[in-house]
Amino acid sequence: KEVCGSLWFARFVPGCNRRMGQDWQPDQAISVDLEIALLEYVEIKIQTLEDPSELALWSLAVAYFAFCFVLSLRRNEGLLMDLKAMIEHDDQHQKYVVVPLLGKVKGEHHVRQHLLPSVHITDLGIWMWVWHRRVLEIHLIICCSSGLAFINHNCVQSSSSDMNKLFHEALLDLFEERFPSQH
């Protein structure tokens, strides 16, 4: 097996080039239009899924995508959502959705709990309370009431790699749907 042909190495080399100054172009944020299209695409995908584990996986992934985008969460911050605090602060009559994060967030030096408020629906039409409710419903189905909110099919905390894989898969599927090959 070729060591330099792995996915890890393929991502490692561009990172080295950026850090060492060979690549001067910074990463670009996803556009608002693309994020909306991605959320809509995954929502439609969820409606067609029949396998419960796939349904749970994609439901949690789209919630993660929405929370990270709307709340401007970086790196693994979105993966720090605390399920127990989500349940404690779940009140549909509030004017906002509470997104609780554990750990060091936004470059802080102290580990603590953060209660980030978010509107129920953004001006862009992202329904934050729907994603919040789905996360809670998934965990209710699997009988989980504490721990981190974003887990994989083995009920283990999802990693950035897990979420990136789903994110790229959805983007590629969306691209192929919108721009089918001319062959």
C-alpha atoms as a PDB file:
ATOM      1  CA  LYS A   1       0.000   0.000   0.000  1.00  0.00           C
ATOM      2  CA  GLU A   2       1.321   3.424  -0.941  1.00  0.00           C
ATOM      3  CA  VAL A   3       1.902   5.521   2.220  1.00  0.00           C
ATOM      4  CA  CYS A   4       1.798   8.856   0.388  1.00  0.00           C
ATOM      5  CA  GLY A   5      -1.475   7.922  -1.321  1.00  0.00           C
ATOM      6  CA  SER A   6      -3.656   8.071   1.795  1.00  0.00           C
ATOM      7  CA  LEU A   7      -6.442  10.608   2.332  1.00  0.00           C
ATOM      8  CA  TRP A   8      -4.627  11.845   5.435  1.00  0.00           C
ATOM      9  CA  PHE A   9      -1.443  12.563   3.499  1.00  0.00           C
ATOM     10  CA  ALA A  10      -3.397  14.253   0.717  1.00  0.00           C
ATOM     11  CA  ARG A  11      -4.839  16.679   3.305  1.00  0.00           C
ATOM     12  CA  PHE A  12      -1.563  16.983   5.247  1.00  0.00           C
ATOM     13  CA  VAL A  13       0.533  18.300   2.334  1.00  0.00           C
ATOM     14  CA  PRO A  14      -1.710  21.307   1.489  1.00  0.00           C
ATOM     15  CA  GLY A  15      -1.836  22.165   5.199  1.00  0.00           C
ATOM     16  CA  CYS A  16       1.959  22.161   5.366  1.00  0.00           C
ATOM     17  CA  ASN A  17       2.144  24.328   2.265  1.00  0.00           C
ATOM     18  CA  ARG A  18      -0.222  26.890   3.810  1.00  0.00           C
ATOM     19  CA  ARG A  19       1.606  26.982   7.150  1.00  0.00           C
ATOM     20  CA  MET A  20       5.010  27.253   5.492  1.00  0.00           C
ATOM     21  CA  GLY A  21       3.959  30.104   3.245  1.00  0.00           C
ATOM     22  CA  GLN A  22       3.920  28.316  -0.108  1.00  0.00           C
ATOM     23  CA  ASP A  23       0.164  28.756  -0.473  1.00  0.00           C
ATOM     24  CA  TRP A  24      -0.829  32.355   0.211  1.00  0.00           C
ATOM     25  CA  GLN A  25      -4.547  31.985  -0.505  1.00  0.00           C
ATOM     26  CA  PRO A  26      -6.610  31.581   2.683  1.00  0.00           C
ATOM     27  CA  ASP A  27      -9.461  29.119   2.986  1.00  0.00           C
ATOM     28  CA  GLN A  28     -12.750  30.588   1.890  1.00  0.00           C
ATOM     29  CA  ALA A  29     -15.942  30.359   3.912  1.00  0.00           C
ATOM     30  CA  ILE A  30     -18.920  28.585   2.418  1.00  0.00           C
ATOM     31  CA  SER A  31     -21.321  31.048   0.800  1.00  0.00           C
ATOM     32  CA  VAL A  32     -24.754  31.675   2.269  1.00  0.00           C
ATOM     33  CA  ASP A  33     -26.438  30.404  -0.904  1.00  0.00           C
ATOM     34  CA  LEU A  34     -24.416  27.189  -0.865  1.00  0.00           C
ATOM     35  CA  GLU A  35     -25.148  26.617   2.836  1.00  0.00           C
ATOM     36  CA  ILE A  36     -28.889  27.060   2.255  1.00  0.00           C
ATOM     37  CA  ALA A  37     -28.753  24.700  -0.750  1.00  0.00           C
ATOM     38  CA  LEU A  38     -26.785  22.167   1.332  1.00  0.00           C
ATOM     39  CA  LEU A  39     -29.282  22.255   4.212  1.00  0.00           C
ATOM     40  CA  GLU A  40     -32.203  21.887   1.789  1.00  0.00           C
ATOM     41  CA  TYR A  41     -30.484  19.017  -0.015  1.00  0.00           C
ATOM     42  CA  VAL A  42     -29.775  17.096   3.195  1.00  0.00           C
ATOM     43  CA  GLU A  43     -33.337  17.734   4.403  1.00  0.00           C
ATOM     44  CA  ILE A  44     -34.688  16.118   1.218  1.00  0.00           C
ATOM     45  CA  LYS A  45     -32.181  13.269   1.607  1.00  0.00           C
ATOM     46  CA  ILE A  46     -33.409  12.667   5.166  1.00  0.00           C
ATOM     47  CA  GLN A  47     -37.011  12.381   3.964  1.00  0.00           C
ATOM     48  CA  THR A  48     -36.033   9.519   1.637  1.00  0.00           C
ATOM     49  CA  LEU A  49     -33.924   7.500   4.089  1.00  0.00           C
ATOM     50  CA  GLU A  50     -35.385   4.286   5.465  1.00  0.00           C
ATOM     51  CA  ASP A  51     -32.472   2.954   7.529  1.00  0.00           C
ATOM     52  CA  PRO A  52     -32.845   4.346  11.090  1.00  0.00           C
ATOM     53  CA  SER A  53     -29.087   4.584  11.667  1.00  0.00           C
ATOM     54  CA  GLU A  54     -28.588   6.525   8.411  1.00  0.00           C
ATOM     55  CA  LEU A  55     -31.540   8.761   9.288  1.00  0.00           C
ATOM     56  CA  ALA A  56     -30.017   9.513  12.701  1.00  0.00           C
ATOM     57  CA  LEU A  57     -26.559  10.076  11.228  1.00  0.00           C
ATOM     58  CA  TRP A  58     -27.749  12.553   8.591  1.00  0.00           C
ATOM     59  CA  SER A  59     -30.180  14.287  10.959  1.00  0.00           C
ATOM     60  CA  LEU A  60     -27.373  14.950  13.415  1.00  0.00           C
ATOM     61  CA  ALA A  61     -25.025  15.992  10.600  1.00  0.00           C
ATOM     62  CA  VAL A  62     -27.405  18.575   9.148  1.00  0.00           C
ATOM     63  CA  ALA A  63     -28.024  19.970  12.642  1.00  0.00           C
ATOM     64  CA  TYR A  64     -24.262  20.229  13.103  1.00  0.00           C
ATOM     65  CA  PHE A  65     -23.907  22.024   9.744  1.00  0.00           C
ATOM     66  CA  ALA A  66     -26.684  24.491  10.649  1.00  0.00           C
ATOM     67  CA  PHE A  67     -25.434  25.216  14.188  1.00  0.00           C
ATOM     68  CA  CYS A  68     -21.840  25.718  13.076  1.00  0.00           C
ATOM     69  CA  PHE A  69     -22.870  28.022  10.233  1.00  0.00           C
ATOM     70  CA  VAL A  70     -25.366  30.171  12.144  1.00  0.00           C
ATOM     71  CA  LEU A  71     -23.318  30.455  15.347  1.00  0.00           C
ATOM     72  CA  SER A  72     -19.954  30.815  13.542  1.00  0.00           C
ATOM     73  CA  LEU A  73     -18.442  27.875  15.392  1.00  0.00           C
ATOM     74  CA  ARG A  74     -14.893  26.967  14.426  1.00  0.00           C
ATOM     75  CA  ARG A  75     -12.886  23.753  14.349  1.00  0.00           C
ATOM     76  CA  ASN A  76     -14.493  21.244  16.715  1.00  0.00           C
ATOM     77  CA  GLU A  77     -16.584  23.754  18.731  1.00  0.00           C
ATOM     78  CA  GLY A  78     -19.849  22.444  17.281  1.00  0.00           C
ATOM     79  CA  LEU A  79     -19.010  18.952  18.479  1.00  0.00           C
ATOM     80  CA  LEU A  80     -19.014  20.213  22.077  1.00  0.00           C
ATOM     81  CA  MET A  81     -22.819  20.527  22.292  1.00  0.00           C
ATOM     82  CA  ASP A  82     -23.994  19.158  25.633  1.00  0.00           C
ATOM     83  CA  LEU A  83     -27.108  16.985  25.401  1.00  0.00           C
ATOM     84  CA  LYS A  84     -28.104  17.225  29.065  1.00  0.00           C
ATOM     85  CA  ALA A  85     -28.018  21.035  28.956  1.00  0.00           C
ATOM     86  CA  MET A  86     -29.944  20.996  25.651  1.00  0.00           C
ATOM     87  CA  ILE A  87     -32.710  19.059  27.388  1.00  0.00           C
ATOM     88  CA  GLU A  88     -32.637  21.343  30.458  1.00  0.00           C
ATOM     89  CA  HIS A  89     -32.896  24.504  28.344  1.00  0.00           C
ATOM     90  CA  ASP A  90     -35.421  23.172  25.841  1.00  0.00           C
ATOM     91  CA  ASP A  91     -38.384  25.547  25.903  1.00  0.00           C
ATOM     92  CA  GLN A  92     -40.233  26.275  22.680  1.00  0.00           C
ATOM     93  CA  HIS A  93     -41.893  29.291  24.292  1.00  0.00           C
ATOM     94  CA  GLN A  94     -38.607  31.161  24.628  1.00  0.00           C
ATOM     95  CA  LYS A  95     -37.738  33.704  21.963  1.00  0.00           C
ATOM     96  CA  TYR A  96     -34.511  31.837  21.261  1.00  0.00           C
ATOM     97  CA  VAL A  97     -32.955  28.385  21.155  1.00  0.00           C
ATOM     98  CA  VAL A  98     -30.222  27.673  23.703  1.00  0.00           C
ATOM     99  CA  VAL A  99     -27.175  25.934  22.270  1.00  0.00           C
ATOM    100  CA  PRO A 100     -25.003  24.707  25.160  1.00  0.00           C
ATOM    101  CA  LEU A 101     -21.323  24.042  24.542  1.00  0.00           C
ATOM    102  CA  LEU A 102     -18.794  22.523  26.930  1.00  0.00           C
ATOM    103  CA  GLY A 103     -15.094  23.244  27.028  1.00  0.00           C
ATOM    104  CA  LYS A 104     -12.896  26.006  25.709  1.00  0.00           C
ATOM    105  CA  VAL A 105     -14.704  28.015  23.063  1.00  0.00           C
ATOM    106  CA  LYS A 106     -13.561  30.958  20.966  1.00  0.00           C
ATOM    107  CA  GLY A 107     -10.000  30.869  22.273  1.00  0.00           C
ATOM    108  CA  GLU A 108     -10.846  31.005  25.980  1.00  0.00           C
ATOM    109  CA  HIS A 109      -8.473  29.752  28.619  1.00  0.00           C
ATOM    110  CA  HIS A 110     -11.011  28.197  31.017  1.00  0.00           C
ATOM    111  CA  VAL A 111     -13.099  25.083  30.489  1.00  0.00           C
ATOM    112  CA  ARG A 112     -16.740  25.849  31.261  1.00  0.00           C
ATOM    113  CA  GLN A 113     -20.266  25.622  29.914  1.00  0.00           C
ATOM    114  CA  HIS A 114     -21.443  28.173  27.352  1.00  0.00           C
ATOM    115  CA  LEU A 115     -25.104  28.868  26.661  1.00  0.00           C
ATOM    116  CA  LEU A 116     -25.282  30.386  23.194  1.00  0.00           C
ATOM    117  CA  PRO A 117     -28.644  31.876  22.212  1.00  0.00           C
ATOM    118  CA  SER A 118     -29.940  31.542  18.666  1.00  0.00           C
ATOM    119  CA  VAL A 119     -33.154  32.770  17.083  1.00  0.00           C
ATOM    120  CA  HIS A 120     -35.762  30.124  16.257  1.00  0.00           C
ATOM    121  CA  ILE A 121     -35.493  30.967  12.563  1.00  0.00           C
ATOM    122  CA  THR A 122     -32.820  33.099  10.933  1.00  0.00           C
ATOM    123  CA  ASP A 123     -33.496  35.800   8.357  1.00  0.00           C
ATOM    124  CA  LEU A 124     -32.106  33.348   5.799  1.00  0.00           C
ATOM    125  CA  GLY A 125     -34.788  30.789   6.679  1.00  0.00           C
ATOM    126  CA  ILE A 126     -32.642  28.381   8.699  1.00  0.00           C
ATOM    127  CA  TRP A 127     -34.973  26.791  11.222  1.00  0.00           C
ATOM    128  CA  MET A 128     -32.695  26.432  14.248  1.00  0.00           C
ATOM    129  CA  TRP A 129     -35.434  25.140  16.552  1.00  0.00           C
ATOM    130  CA  VAL A 130     -36.239  22.356  14.071  1.00  0.00           C
ATOM    131  CA  TRP A 131     -32.621  21.136  14.091  1.00  0.00           C
ATOM    132  CA  HIS A 132     -32.509  21.505  17.878  1.00  0.00           C
ATOM    133  CA  ARG A 133     -35.676  19.409  18.253  1.00  0.00           C
ATOM    134  CA  ARG A 134     -34.365  16.745  15.861  1.00  0.00           C
ATOM    135  CA  VAL A 135     -31.191  16.320  17.876  1.00  0.00           C
ATOM    136  CA  LEU A 136     -33.307  15.811  20.998  1.00  0.00           C
ATOM    137  CA  GLU A 137     -35.658  13.392  19.191  1.00  0.00           C
ATOM    138  CA  ILE A 138     -32.760  11.274  17.909  1.00  0.00           C
ATOM    139  CA  HIS A 139     -31.386  10.950  21.434  1.00  0.00           C
ATOM    140  CA  LEU A 140     -34.838  10.185  22.826  1.00  0.00           C
ATOM    141  CA  ILE A 141     -35.119   7.295  20.351  1.00  0.00           C
ATOM    142  CA  ILE A 142     -31.736   5.874  21.352  1.00  0.00           C
ATOM    143  CA  CYS A 143     -32.487   6.458  25.062  1.00  0.00           C
ATOM    144  CA  CYS A 144     -29.637   8.861  25.634  1.00  0.00           C
ATOM    145  CA  SER A 145     -30.061  11.869  27.950  1.00  0.00           C
ATOM    146  CA  SER A 146     -26.514  12.997  28.673  1.00  0.00           C
ATOM    147  CA  GLY A 147     -23.162  13.333  26.994  1.00  0.00           C
ATOM    148  CA  LEU A 148     -22.296  15.095  23.793  1.00  0.00           C
ATOM    149  CA  ALA A 149     -25.063  15.673  21.256  1.00  0.00           C
ATOM    150  CA  PHE A 150     -23.257  14.688  18.078  1.00  0.00           C
ATOM    151  CA  ILE A 151     -22.493  10.988  18.025  1.00  0.00           C
ATOM    152  CA  ASN A 152     -21.819   8.449  15.281  1.00  0.00           C
ATOM    153  CA  HIS A 153     -23.594   5.137  14.594  1.00  0.00           C
ATOM    154  CA  ASN A 154     -21.646   3.494  17.458  1.00  0.00           C
ATOM    155  CA  CYS A 155     -22.929   6.095  19.973  1.00  0.00           C
ATOM    156  CA  VAL A 156     -19.400   7.498  20.239  1.00  0.00           C
ATOM    157  CA  GLN A 157     -18.685  11.205  19.892  1.00  0.00           C
ATOM    158  CA  SER A 158     -18.442  12.211  16.253  1.00  0.00           C
ATOM    159  CA  SER A 159     -15.124  13.584  15.131  1.00  0.00           C
ATOM    160  CA  SER A 160     -14.382  16.496  12.843  1.00  0.00           C
ATOM    161  CA  SER A 161     -13.316  13.878  10.316  1.00  0.00           C
ATOM    162  CA  ASP A 162     -16.749  12.160  10.519  1.00  0.00           C
ATOM    163  CA  MET A 163     -18.552  15.453   9.960  1.00  0.00           C
ATOM    164  CA  ASN A 164     -16.184  16.556   7.189  1.00  0.00           C
ATOM    165  CA  LYS A 165     -16.784  13.274   5.376  1.00  0.00           C
ATOM    166  CA  LEU A 166     -20.572  13.759   5.508  1.00  0.00           C
ATOM    167  CA  PHE A 167     -20.208  17.427   4.568  1.00  0.00           C
ATOM    168  CA  HIS A 168     -18.101  16.614   1.501  1.00  0.00           C
ATOM    169  CA  GLU A 169     -20.391  13.735   0.515  1.00  0.00           C
ATOM    170  CA  ALA A 170     -23.430  16.022   0.635  1.00  0.00           C
ATOM    171  CA  LEU A 171     -21.632  18.772  -1.296  1.00  0.00           C
ATOM    172  CA  LEU A 172     -20.528  16.336  -4.015  1.00  0.00           C
ATOM    173  CA  ASP A 173     -24.044  14.885  -4.299  1.00  0.00           C
ATOM    174  CA  LEU A 174     -25.502  18.394  -4.453  1.00  0.00           C
ATOM    175  CA  PHE A 175     -23.007  19.400  -7.137  1.00  0.00           C
ATOM    176  CA  GLU A 176     -23.778  16.305  -9.220  1.00  0.00           C
ATOM    177  CA  GLU A 177     -27.513  16.950  -8.858  1.00  0.00           C
ATOM    178  CA  ARG A 178     -27.232  20.602  -9.887  1.00  0.00           C
ATOM    179  CA  PHE A 179     -24.571  20.120 -12.555  1.00  0.00           C
ATOM    180  CA  PRO A 180     -24.986  16.634 -14.053  1.00  0.00           C
ATOM    181  CA  SER A 181     -22.201  15.480 -16.337  1.00  0.00           C
ATOM    182  CA  GLN A 182     -22.781  16.010 -20.036  1.00  0.00           C
ATOM    183  CA  HIS A 183     -21.667  12.484 -21.018  1.00  0.00           C
END
